Structure formats: C-alpha cells, structure tokens
Amino acid sequence: MNKGLFSEFDAVSTKQWKQKIQFELNGADYQTLVWQSNEDISVKPFYNADDIKDFPLTSNVKTTQWFICDTVFVNDAENANRKALKVIKNGAESIKFIIPNNDIPIETLLNHIDLEAIQLHFELHFLDVEFTKQLLNTVSKPNIFVHTDIIGKLAKTGNWFNNMNADIENFKSIIEITNTYSINSSLYQNAGANMVQQLAYALAHANEYLNILDDDLTSEAKQQTKVIFNVSAGSNYFFEIAKLRALRLLWKTLASEYDINTECQIFTTPSKRNKTVYDYNTNILRSTTECMSAILGGADTVFNLPYDAVYHKSNTFSERIARNQLLILKHESYFDKVNNPADGAYYIESLTQQLAEKALILFKDIEANGGFLKQLKSGTIQRKIKESAQKEQIQFDNKEEILVGSNKYPNPDDRMKATLELYPFVKTHYRKTLIEPIIEKRLAETLEQKRLNNEN
C-alpha cells in the first residue's frame, strides 16, 4: 500500500528546525533572522504546520478564470471603440471603459464588440441614473460591472458628486439597475496605507454601503448584488498574495452578517507608489511580480500598468508591453492552469490569517468610533494613512526600502526632463473641499524632483 511520498521520512519539529538554524548561524540567536513588517507582523525564516491556528479550508479561488484587462479612456466614442477592438484582437479579454461625461453614445462605443465573450467594466466619472439605465439596456449581460463609488469620490477629491443626500439616493437607484458597486481601495495603497489599513478601510468603506442598502434591497437583490474591490498590488510579493486572500475572507465574514452575496469581484492593478521616472524599465519588473501576486492571490481581473504611465501619455507601445506581460503569464507561464495555487503554503496561510485578524481588529475599532464615513470627515483616516506613508518614506530615504535605479544603483547619466509628457508629481489644486482628500504619492517623487532640477 502506498503510504505517501514522504512516509519514510521522520517529521521535523519546530524546535528541531530552530536548533538546526542556530547551529548554521554558529550559535547566533535565531531571532536575528526574524524581521518586522510595517503591518507589525514578525516574519520568520521558516514556517510549518505549527504556524497555522486552524487548518484552512479550500479558498475557492478560481485562478483559471482570471481576465486580462485593458483600460480605454473615452473622449470620443468612435475612437474609443476602435481602440477597444484593437486591444481585444491583441489579446485583451476584458475592457474597462473610463467615461468622463454622459454625452457618450453607448451603442457607438460598443459597436462590433462581442458582448458575450468580452467582460466589460465601466468607470463613470459622474452620477447619472438615466445614463446608467441606457447603458444596461444596451448591455444586458452577466459579466458587466459598473463601478459606482460615491464614498471613494469623497475620499479622493474631498467632495461628493453633488451632496451627500442626493448622492446616496442616486447611488441606491443605480445599484437597483446594475446590481454592482465598487470600493476604491487602490486609493489607500497608492497614498501609503499599510496592508492592514488597506484591508480594514476597504471593509469599513464597504460597510457604509451595506448600512445604506440594507433596508432597500430585497432578499433576492441581496444575493444578486456584487461588490467590486479595486485593489492595487505592491512589490511585497507574498504579502500581496496574502492580502487578496485575506480580503475575500473578510468580505465573506462581513457579508454573512448582512445575509448578502458573499462572493466579490477583485479588480487588481499594480501600485503606482513604487513606480519611477528614472530607470523606468525597472517598472516592468515591478509590475510583473505585482501581477503575479494578484493572480496567485485570486484577482478576478488584472489590468497591468504601463511602465511609463506616470510620465508619458497613453501610447500603443507601452500598452502593448503591459498587455504582453499578462499574456506571457497566462499562456507561457501557465498562471491559468491551477485553481487555489496558494492554498496550503504555510507562510502564505499564516500571513493571510494574521492580516485578516489585524484588519478585523482595526475595522471593529473604526465601527466602534462612528464608522468609516465619520472618521473620514474628521480626518482620522487621512492622518493614519499619512503616518503610515511617512514611515515608509523614511525607510525609502534611509535606503531601507529599495527602488533600484532611484535610491540604489542610480544611473547618473540618465536624463528624463525632455521626455516628460505628464507632470509626474503630486499636483496642487486650490479649491474648496468638504474634507481633506486622500492624496496619492509615489515614494521617489522628492528624489526625482531633485534629479530633474540638477539635469544639465
């Protein structure tokens, strides 16, 4: 009888592993190999079954079903349609249309697109119930997602679309039509929040909507309505895998309390925070590992950020490179062949549990102090993110956090001033806002500004 591949080997205990490690360290303390993450998680040199509190259930992550996405900004419907058809021909399986106003003719925008084969996302920069009705009348299909996030608009800009009461009423009407709404947790990551904060804020953000919708949705609608989490993945590879897995666990826990659909859509893109202007080709390496984390963590849809997105206008070459990175991961690296690929990995399972537990504690604290919207209005969320961002900035400035080509191994002959098509730094617009907006900022900005000023 086959007793298993490793049945002839004796089990090795945690104590034995530690003793072996200390022997290899010539007697140095085992703790010298333990490092502390910004999420206050102690990362050990090895993990085994002792690190898992409860044997984890199968995560039900369908990695075989993730979509390669391209985004299309819609200034003109005909031009946007041509671009969408081109990127679909070149391998895109999903399109996210970013629509700035309600003058866009939907039928023209979607002309000749196979609506049965292509997953569609719509990010509307306005709140218009009639436009949304027209959109859903044109595209009535299961894999269409309308990203509506009024609290995300407030957090990012400091203002509602109109005012709080009007936005909430329009939000309810739109959800009845679309059965989808979104949470922009990318904002928190790109502004410098650590992973525990990202998870807790995303959950608290979603909870505000659940409170708004709880009395208005029928039992049937509660099961049909699906939340879309827009998530950015950074370069901490295993932590990012665990972050997405923890997000699903947390959402399932929260949704169960409201007796609503426990499934969610996760739309992931690489972080902007670690992208650089100088030695820009390293951005390709960063975004590749970030997309890998997204896929292994269970993202449903992945949009890859072009390597020059922070300083160049939209262009065919960099967008093709970004799409090809995903095509290689799917069709040459076979990242679509195995479901639940991270299940059972002791390190990732341990990180998933710890991130989920810490995020749940922070979420409960937010709720005990009035909820996410109240803390956003009081500036508490903004202050906490700033504190986290400043900690990470100091690590970058002290070269504890490395961005190759920027604060480590820079090319002194690199000249970028003449190639900038977009202003790559935080822009200051003086306007009246209801609250302090959450500002996205890249780690290398100050360093890059100095280098640009010193270029000959």
Protein backbone atom coordinates (compact mmCIF):
# COMPACT_ATOMS: atom_id res chain seq x y z
CA MET A 1 0.00 0.00 0.00
CA ASN A 2 1.27 3.48 -0.85
CA LYS A 3 1.75 5.36 2.42
CA GLY A 4 2.62 8.65 0.75
CA LEU A 5 5.66 10.08 -0.94
CA PHE A 6 7.31 11.25 2.29
CA SER A 7 6.16 8.48 4.62
CA GLU A 8 9.70 7.12 5.02
CA PHE A 9 10.95 10.43 6.43
CA ASP A 10 10.56 11.38 10.08
CA ALA A 11 8.64 14.55 10.89
CA VAL A 12 10.77 17.55 11.89
CA SER A 13 9.51 19.65 14.79
CA THR A 14 9.69 23.42 15.12
CA LYS A 15 12.25 23.01 17.90
CA GLN A 16 14.49 20.88 15.68
CA TRP A 17 14.31 23.44 12.87
CA LYS A 18 15.31 26.24 15.25
CA GLN A 19 18.20 24.21 16.63
CA LYS A 20 19.44 23.50 13.11
CA ILE A 21 19.20 27.16 12.17
CA GLN A 22 21.12 28.28 15.25
CA PHE A 23 23.78 25.66 14.50
CA GLU A 24 24.17 27.05 10.98
CA LEU A 25 24.37 30.56 12.46
CA ASN A 26 27.31 29.40 14.62
CA GLY A 27 25.27 29.85 17.75
CA ALA A 28 23.81 33.25 16.90
CA ASP A 29 20.28 33.88 18.13
CA TYR A 30 17.52 32.56 15.89
CA GLN A 31 15.70 35.89 16.39
CA THR A 32 18.32 37.69 14.27
CA LEU A 33 16.58 36.25 11.19
CA VAL A 34 13.13 37.47 12.23
CA TRP A 35 12.12 40.80 10.68
CA GLN A 36 9.18 43.07 11.35
CA SER A 37 6.88 44.25 8.57
CA ASN A 38 5.13 47.63 8.50
CA GLU A 39 1.97 45.72 9.40
CA ASP A 40 3.61 44.68 12.70
CA ILE A 41 3.92 41.08 11.55
CA SER A 42 7.02 39.16 12.63
CA VAL A 43 8.30 37.29 9.58
CA LYS A 44 10.21 34.13 10.45
CA PRO A 45 12.83 32.26 8.40
CA PHE A 46 10.65 29.14 8.17
CA TYR A 47 7.02 28.10 8.61
CA ASN A 48 5.36 24.78 9.24
CA ALA A 49 2.00 23.39 10.37
CA ASP A 50 2.54 24.80 13.88
CA ASP A 51 2.08 28.30 12.42
CA ILE A 52 -1.50 27.60 11.31
CA LYS A 53 -4.06 28.07 14.07
CA ASP A 54 -6.85 26.25 12.27
CA PHE A 55 -6.44 24.03 9.25
CA PRO A 56 -7.50 26.35 6.39
CA LEU A 57 -10.42 25.50 4.17
CA THR A 58 -10.06 25.44 0.40
CA SER A 59 -10.24 29.10 -0.62
CA ASN A 60 -12.37 28.54 -3.74
CA VAL A 61 -10.15 30.95 -5.71
CA LYS A 62 -10.63 30.33 -9.42
CA THR A 63 -7.21 31.26 -10.76
CA THR A 64 -8.04 29.52 -14.04
CA GLN A 65 -10.68 32.17 -14.74
CA TRP A 66 -8.84 35.49 -14.40
CA PHE A 67 -9.24 38.08 -17.16
CA ILE A 68 -6.57 40.15 -18.91
CA CYS A 69 -7.90 43.71 -18.94
CA ASP A 70 -7.14 46.88 -20.87
CA THR A 71 -8.48 50.30 -19.95
CA VAL A 72 -9.83 52.73 -22.54
CA PHE A 73 -10.43 56.39 -21.70
CA VAL A 74 -13.46 57.58 -23.67
CA ASN A 75 -13.07 61.11 -25.03
CA ASP A 76 -14.68 60.15 -28.33
CA ALA A 77 -16.88 57.08 -28.69
CA GLU A 78 -15.70 56.10 -32.19
CA ASN A 79 -12.00 56.39 -31.33
CA ALA A 80 -12.51 54.52 -28.07
CA ASN A 81 -14.39 51.78 -29.91
CA ARG A 82 -11.57 51.39 -32.44
CA LYS A 83 -9.02 51.14 -29.65
CA ALA A 84 -11.11 48.59 -27.75
CA LEU A 85 -11.48 46.39 -30.83
CA LYS A 86 -7.74 46.59 -31.46
CA VAL A 87 -6.70 45.59 -27.94
CA ILE A 88 -9.25 42.75 -27.95
CA LYS A 89 -7.72 41.49 -31.19
CA ASN A 90 -4.31 41.67 -29.50
CA GLY A 91 -5.28 39.57 -26.50
CA ALA A 92 -7.38 41.58 -24.06
CA GLU A 93 -10.25 39.58 -22.55
CA SER A 94 -11.78 42.46 -20.61
CA ILE A 95 -12.19 46.18 -21.23
CA LYS A 96 -12.59 48.88 -18.64
CA PHE A 97 -14.12 51.98 -20.20
CA ILE A 98 -13.41 55.17 -18.27
CA ILE A 99 -16.19 57.59 -19.20
CA PRO A 100 -15.78 61.26 -18.15
CA ASN A 101 -19.25 62.58 -19.09
CA ASN A 102 -22.76 61.44 -20.03
CA ASP A 103 -22.58 62.62 -23.65
CA ILE A 104 -21.03 59.35 -24.82
CA PRO A 105 -23.27 57.28 -27.17
CA ILE A 106 -23.17 53.75 -25.76
CA GLU A 107 -24.12 51.91 -28.96
CA THR A 108 -21.28 53.62 -30.85
CA LEU A 109 -18.84 52.83 -28.05
CA LEU A 110 -19.73 49.12 -28.07
CA ASN A 111 -20.14 48.65 -31.81
CA HIS A 112 -18.87 45.22 -33.05
CA ILE A 113 -17.64 44.18 -29.57
CA ASP A 114 -18.62 40.59 -28.79
CA LEU A 115 -20.65 41.24 -25.65
CA GLU A 116 -20.92 37.54 -24.89
CA ALA A 117 -17.16 36.91 -24.93
CA ILE A 118 -15.70 40.12 -23.50
CA GLN A 119 -16.02 41.15 -19.87
CA LEU A 120 -16.88 44.86 -19.58
CA HIS A 121 -16.20 47.32 -16.77
CA PHE A 122 -17.47 50.89 -16.73
CA GLU A 123 -15.95 53.59 -14.54
CA LEU A 124 -18.22 56.63 -14.71
CA HIS A 125 -16.85 59.98 -13.56
CA PHE A 126 -20.37 61.21 -12.89
CA LEU A 127 -23.57 60.04 -11.22
CA ASP A 128 -26.44 59.73 -13.69
CA VAL A 129 -29.30 57.28 -13.22
CA GLU A 130 -30.72 57.73 -16.74
CA PHE A 131 -27.32 57.17 -18.39
CA THR A 132 -26.89 54.00 -16.34
CA LYS A 133 -30.33 52.76 -17.44
CA GLN A 134 -29.37 53.39 -21.05
CA LEU A 135 -26.10 51.53 -20.51
CA LEU A 136 -27.80 48.46 -19.03
CA ASN A 137 -30.48 48.47 -21.74
CA THR A 138 -27.69 48.31 -24.32
CA VAL A 139 -25.53 45.77 -22.49
CA SER A 140 -27.69 43.35 -20.58
CA LYS A 141 -25.33 40.53 -19.70
CA PRO A 142 -23.92 38.82 -16.57
CA ASN A 143 -20.29 39.89 -16.94
CA ILE A 144 -20.78 43.66 -16.98
CA PHE A 145 -19.63 45.66 -13.96
CA VAL A 146 -20.46 49.31 -13.31
CA HIS A 147 -18.08 50.82 -10.78
CA THR A 148 -20.12 53.20 -8.61
CA ASP A 149 -18.34 54.54 -5.52
CA ILE A 150 -19.64 57.80 -4.05
CA ILE A 151 -17.57 57.49 -0.87
CA GLY A 152 -14.49 56.83 -2.98
CA LYS A 153 -15.21 60.10 -4.82
CA LEU A 154 -15.40 61.93 -1.48
CA ALA A 155 -12.20 60.33 -0.21
CA LYS A 156 -10.22 61.11 -3.37
CA THR A 157 -11.46 64.62 -4.15
CA GLY A 158 -12.79 65.89 -0.82
CA ASN A 159 -16.25 66.44 -2.32
CA TRP A 160 -19.38 64.48 -3.21
CA PHE A 161 -20.62 64.41 -6.79
CA ASN A 162 -23.50 66.70 -5.73
CA ASN A 163 -24.18 66.47 -2.00
CA MET A 164 -24.40 63.63 0.47
CA ASN A 165 -28.18 63.08 0.40
CA ALA A 166 -28.51 63.41 -3.38
CA ASP A 167 -25.54 61.10 -3.96
CA ILE A 168 -26.95 58.43 -1.64
CA GLU A 169 -30.34 58.50 -3.38
CA ASN A 170 -28.73 58.29 -6.82
CA PHE A 171 -26.42 55.54 -5.56
CA LYS A 172 -29.40 53.45 -4.40
CA SER A 173 -31.18 53.91 -7.74
CA ILE A 174 -28.07 52.91 -9.69
CA ILE A 175 -27.50 49.78 -7.58
CA GLU A 176 -31.08 48.67 -8.31
CA ILE A 177 -30.22 48.86 -12.01
CA THR A 178 -26.67 47.46 -12.05
CA ASN A 179 -26.53 45.11 -9.04
CA THR A 180 -22.90 46.21 -8.63
CA TYR A 181 -20.97 48.84 -6.71
CA SER A 182 -17.26 49.33 -6.12
CA ILE A 183 -14.74 50.09 -3.40
CA ASN A 184 -11.65 52.04 -4.45
CA SER A 185 -9.10 50.59 -2.03
CA SER A 186 -6.35 51.36 -4.57
CA LEU A 187 -6.52 54.92 -3.29
CA TYR A 188 -5.41 53.84 0.17
CA GLN A 189 -2.49 51.78 -1.13
CA ASN A 190 -1.23 54.47 -3.50
CA ALA A 191 -1.44 57.05 -0.72
CA GLY A 192 0.79 54.94 1.54
CA ALA A 193 -1.54 52.91 3.78
CA ASN A 194 -0.08 49.63 5.02
CA MET A 195 -1.83 46.38 4.17
CA VAL A 196 -3.77 46.08 7.41
CA GLN A 197 -5.11 49.60 6.86
CA GLN A 198 -5.94 48.86 3.22
CA LEU A 199 -7.98 45.82 4.22
CA ALA A 200 -9.69 47.46 7.18
CA TYR A 201 -10.52 50.65 5.27
CA ALA A 202 -11.86 48.66 2.31
CA LEU A 203 -14.06 46.66 4.67
CA ALA A 204 -15.26 49.73 6.58
CA HIS A 205 -15.84 51.56 3.28
CA ALA A 206 -17.98 48.63 2.10
CA ASN A 207 -19.82 48.50 5.42
CA GLU A 208 -21.03 52.07 4.89
CA TYR A 209 -22.72 50.91 1.69
CA LEU A 210 -24.19 47.84 3.39
CA ASN A 211 -25.76 50.10 6.00
CA ILE A 212 -27.15 52.34 3.26
CA LEU A 213 -28.56 49.46 1.22
CA ASP A 214 -29.68 47.07 3.97
CA ASP A 215 -33.30 48.23 4.15
CA ASP A 216 -33.68 48.95 0.43
CA LEU A 217 -32.63 45.66 -1.15
CA THR A 218 -34.97 42.70 -1.36
CA SER A 219 -33.70 39.26 -0.32
CA GLU A 220 -33.29 38.37 -3.99
CA ALA A 221 -31.39 41.59 -4.73
CA LYS A 222 -29.07 40.99 -1.77
CA GLN A 223 -27.97 37.71 -3.34
CA GLN A 224 -27.60 39.22 -6.81
CA THR A 225 -25.75 42.41 -5.90
CA LYS A 226 -21.98 42.08 -6.08
CA VAL A 227 -19.24 44.34 -4.74
CA ILE A 228 -16.14 45.10 -6.81
CA PHE A 229 -12.94 45.78 -4.88
CA ASN A 230 -10.45 47.84 -6.86
CA VAL A 231 -7.11 46.82 -5.38
CA SER A 232 -3.51 47.87 -6.07
CA ALA A 233 -0.73 45.34 -5.55
CA GLY A 234 2.71 46.41 -4.36
CA SER A 235 6.05 44.65 -4.57
CA ASN A 236 5.95 42.70 -1.27
CA TYR A 237 5.25 39.51 -3.21
CA PHE A 238 3.97 37.01 -0.63
CA PHE A 239 2.27 39.67 1.49
CA GLU A 240 0.31 40.86 -1.55
CA ILE A 241 -0.86 37.32 -2.31
CA ALA A 242 -1.99 37.01 1.30
CA LYS A 243 -3.66 40.45 1.19
CA LEU A 244 -6.04 39.48 -1.59
CA ARG A 245 -6.83 36.17 0.07
CA ALA A 246 -7.48 37.97 3.36
CA LEU A 247 -9.78 40.42 1.57
CA ARG A 248 -12.01 37.57 0.38
CA LEU A 249 -12.11 36.08 3.88
CA LEU A 250 -13.00 39.43 5.44
CA TRP A 251 -15.69 40.20 2.88
CA LYS A 252 -17.24 36.77 3.35
CA THR A 253 -17.32 37.36 7.11
CA LEU A 254 -18.93 40.80 6.77
CA ALA A 255 -21.38 39.83 4.03
CA SER A 256 -22.58 36.85 6.05
CA GLU A 257 -23.66 39.22 8.82
CA TYR A 258 -25.95 41.02 6.37
CA ASP A 259 -27.13 37.81 4.67
CA ILE A 260 -25.98 39.08 1.28
CA ASN A 261 -23.87 37.72 -1.56
CA THR A 262 -20.58 36.57 -0.02
CA GLU A 263 -18.79 36.49 -3.37
CA CYS A 264 -16.93 39.56 -4.57
CA GLN A 265 -15.07 40.70 -7.67
CA ILE A 266 -11.45 41.76 -7.23
CA PHE A 267 -10.10 44.08 -9.93
CA THR A 268 -6.35 44.47 -9.44
CA THR A 269 -3.69 46.72 -10.93
CA PRO A 270 -0.04 47.30 -9.96
CA SER A 271 0.72 50.04 -7.48
CA LYS A 272 1.79 53.49 -8.63
CA ARG A 273 3.57 54.14 -5.35
CA ASN A 274 6.81 52.33 -6.24
CA LYS A 275 6.94 53.35 -9.91
CA THR A 276 9.76 55.62 -11.03
CA VAL A 277 10.60 58.11 -13.75
CA TYR A 278 14.32 57.31 -13.80
CA ASP A 279 15.46 53.83 -14.86
CA TYR A 280 11.86 53.33 -15.96
CA ASN A 281 12.39 49.84 -17.38
CA THR A 282 12.58 48.53 -13.81
CA ASN A 283 8.87 49.35 -13.65
CA ILE A 284 8.31 46.38 -15.97
CA LEU A 285 9.95 44.07 -13.44
CA ARG A 286 7.94 45.56 -10.58
CA SER A 287 4.61 45.33 -12.38
CA THR A 288 5.30 41.74 -13.47
CA THR A 289 5.74 40.46 -9.91
CA GLU A 290 2.77 42.57 -8.79
CA CYS A 291 0.56 40.98 -11.45
CA MET A 292 1.82 37.56 -10.37
CA SER A 293 0.82 38.35 -6.78
CA ALA A 294 -2.60 39.49 -7.98
CA ILE A 295 -3.19 36.29 -9.96
CA LEU A 296 -1.96 33.93 -7.23
CA GLY A 297 -3.93 35.89 -4.64
CA GLY A 298 -7.13 35.33 -6.59
CA ALA A 299 -7.83 38.50 -8.56
CA ASP A 300 -10.71 38.09 -11.00
CA THR A 301 -9.47 40.74 -13.40
CA VAL A 302 -5.94 42.13 -13.81
CA PHE A 303 -5.04 45.36 -15.56
CA ASN A 304 -1.31 45.93 -15.90
CA LEU A 305 0.03 49.46 -15.50
CA PRO A 306 2.22 50.52 -18.47
CA TYR A 307 5.83 51.09 -17.40
CA ASP A 308 5.76 54.77 -18.42
CA ALA A 309 2.27 55.59 -17.13
CA VAL A 310 3.48 58.13 -14.56
CA TYR A 311 5.21 60.41 -17.07
CA HIS A 312 4.01 59.53 -20.60
CA LYS A 313 0.65 59.99 -22.24
CA SER A 314 -1.20 56.88 -23.33
CA ASN A 315 0.75 55.21 -26.14
CA THR A 316 0.50 52.00 -28.15
CA PHE A 317 4.00 50.70 -27.39
CA SER A 318 3.94 50.71 -23.58
CA GLU A 319 0.33 49.50 -23.52
CA ARG A 320 1.31 46.57 -25.75
CA ILE A 321 4.23 45.71 -23.46
CA ALA A 322 1.91 45.80 -20.42
CA ARG A 323 -0.65 43.56 -22.09
CA ASN A 324 2.06 41.16 -23.31
CA GLN A 325 3.32 40.76 -19.74
CA LEU A 326 -0.10 39.36 -18.82
CA LEU A 327 -0.30 37.24 -21.97
CA ILE A 328 3.06 35.67 -21.10
CA LEU A 329 1.92 34.98 -17.53
CA LYS A 330 -1.26 33.32 -18.77
CA HIS A 331 -0.20 31.49 -21.91
CA GLU A 332 3.52 30.83 -21.42
CA SER A 333 3.91 30.71 -17.64
CA TYR A 334 0.59 28.85 -17.23
CA PHE A 335 -0.78 31.05 -14.48
CA ASP A 336 -4.28 29.98 -15.50
CA LYS A 337 -3.91 26.21 -15.07
CA VAL A 338 -4.31 25.62 -11.34
CA ASN A 339 -7.05 26.82 -9.02
CA ASN A 340 -6.19 27.83 -5.45
CA PRO A 341 -2.42 27.78 -6.08
CA ALA A 342 -1.51 29.37 -2.74
CA ASP A 343 -3.64 27.05 -0.61
CA GLY A 344 -1.68 25.07 1.95
CA ALA A 345 1.54 27.13 1.75
CA TYR A 346 2.34 27.58 5.45
CA TYR A 347 3.90 31.04 5.02
CA ILE A 348 1.05 32.42 2.91
CA GLU A 349 -1.62 30.81 5.08
CA SER A 350 -0.01 32.33 8.18
CA LEU A 351 0.23 35.78 6.56
CA THR A 352 -3.39 35.54 5.40
CA GLN A 353 -4.61 34.75 8.91
CA GLN A 354 -2.54 37.49 10.53
CA LEU A 355 -3.52 40.18 8.02
CA ALA A 356 -7.19 39.24 8.30
CA GLU A 357 -7.12 39.22 12.11
CA LYS A 358 -5.31 42.57 12.39
CA ALA A 359 -7.58 44.16 9.76
CA LEU A 360 -10.67 42.89 11.58
CA ILE A 361 -9.46 44.45 14.84
CA LEU A 362 -8.92 47.80 13.10
CA PHE A 363 -12.30 47.52 11.34
CA LYS A 364 -14.05 46.95 14.66
CA ASP A 365 -12.27 49.97 16.11
CA ILE A 366 -13.44 52.14 13.21
CA GLU A 367 -17.02 50.95 13.68
CA ALA A 368 -16.86 51.49 17.44
CA ASN A 369 -15.83 55.10 16.78
CA GLY A 370 -18.65 56.01 14.43
CA GLY A 371 -17.76 54.25 11.19
CA PHE A 372 -15.63 54.96 8.17
CA LEU A 373 -17.52 57.99 6.88
CA LYS A 374 -17.38 59.74 10.25
CA GLN A 375 -13.65 59.09 10.59
CA LEU A 376 -13.11 60.27 7.02
CA LYS A 377 -14.94 63.52 7.74
CA SER A 378 -12.97 64.05 10.97
CA GLY A 379 -9.66 63.46 9.19
CA THR A 380 -8.73 60.38 11.22
CA ILE A 381 -8.36 58.11 8.19
CA GLN A 382 -6.25 60.69 6.37
CA ARG A 383 -3.99 61.15 9.41
CA LYS A 384 -3.44 57.42 9.86
CA ILE A 385 -2.56 56.98 6.17
CA LYS A 386 -0.14 59.93 6.35
CA GLU A 387 1.58 58.39 9.35
CA SER A 388 2.00 55.09 7.52
CA ALA A 389 3.17 56.83 4.34
CA GLN A 390 5.71 58.90 6.28
CA LYS A 391 7.12 55.77 7.92
CA GLU A 392 7.58 54.15 4.52
CA GLN A 393 9.06 57.37 3.09
CA ILE A 394 11.69 57.44 5.84
CA GLN A 395 12.54 53.82 5.04
CA PHE A 396 12.98 54.80 1.38
CA ASP A 397 15.04 57.87 2.25
CA ASN A 398 17.27 55.77 4.52
CA LYS A 399 17.61 53.10 1.81
CA GLU A 400 15.89 50.52 3.97
CA GLU A 401 13.27 50.19 1.25
CA ILE A 402 14.99 49.93 -2.10
CA LEU A 403 13.88 51.06 -5.55
CA VAL A 404 16.68 50.08 -7.92
CA GLY A 405 17.61 52.96 -10.20
CA SER A 406 16.30 55.54 -7.74
CA ASN A 407 17.71 55.30 -4.22
CA LYS A 408 20.03 52.38 -5.09
CA TYR A 409 22.29 51.99 -8.14
CA PRO A 410 21.06 55.10 -9.96
CA ASN A 411 22.40 55.83 -13.43
CA PRO A 412 23.96 59.32 -13.12
CA ASP A 413 23.82 59.78 -16.90
CA ASP A 414 20.07 59.21 -17.05
CA ARG A 415 18.27 62.28 -18.46
CA MET A 416 14.47 62.47 -18.30
CA LYS A 417 13.48 66.14 -18.34
CA ALA A 418 13.00 66.30 -22.12
CA THR A 419 10.87 63.14 -22.22
CA LEU A 420 8.21 64.13 -19.67
CA GLU A 421 4.77 64.41 -21.24
CA LEU A 422 2.85 64.31 -17.96
CA TYR A 423 3.61 66.01 -14.66
CA PRO A 424 4.68 63.01 -12.56
CA PHE A 425 4.38 64.58 -9.11
CA VAL A 426 1.58 65.48 -6.72
CA LYS A 427 -0.45 68.28 -8.25
CA THR A 428 -1.79 71.08 -6.04
CA HIS A 429 -5.21 72.49 -6.92
CA TYR A 430 -6.60 75.15 -4.61
CA ARG A 431 -10.32 74.56 -4.27
CA LYS A 432 -12.93 74.36 -1.56
CA THR A 433 -13.49 70.85 -0.24
CA LEU A 434 -15.75 69.37 2.42
CA ILE A 435 -12.98 67.17 3.79
CA GLU A 436 -9.25 66.75 3.32
CA PRO A 437 -8.77 64.47 0.29
CA ILE A 438 -6.54 61.40 0.42
CA ILE A 439 -3.57 62.16 -1.82
CA GLU A 440 -1.69 59.53 -3.79
CA LYS A 441 2.08 60.00 -3.82
CA ARG A 442 4.99 57.97 -5.16
CA LEU A 443 7.97 57.20 -2.93
CA ALA A 444 10.56 58.53 -5.38
CA GLU A 445 8.95 61.92 -6.07
CA THR A 446 11.19 64.16 -3.95
CA LEU A 447 14.34 62.39 -5.14
CA GLU A 448 13.24 62.66 -8.78
CA GLN A 449 12.45 66.36 -8.47
CA LYS A 450 15.97 66.99 -7.22
CA ARG A 451 17.47 64.99 -10.07
CA LEU A 452 15.36 66.79 -12.67
CA ASN A 453 16.41 70.16 -11.26
CA ASN A 454 20.07 69.12 -11.46
CA GLU A 455 19.93 67.93 -15.06
CA ASN A 456 22.13 69.90 -17.45
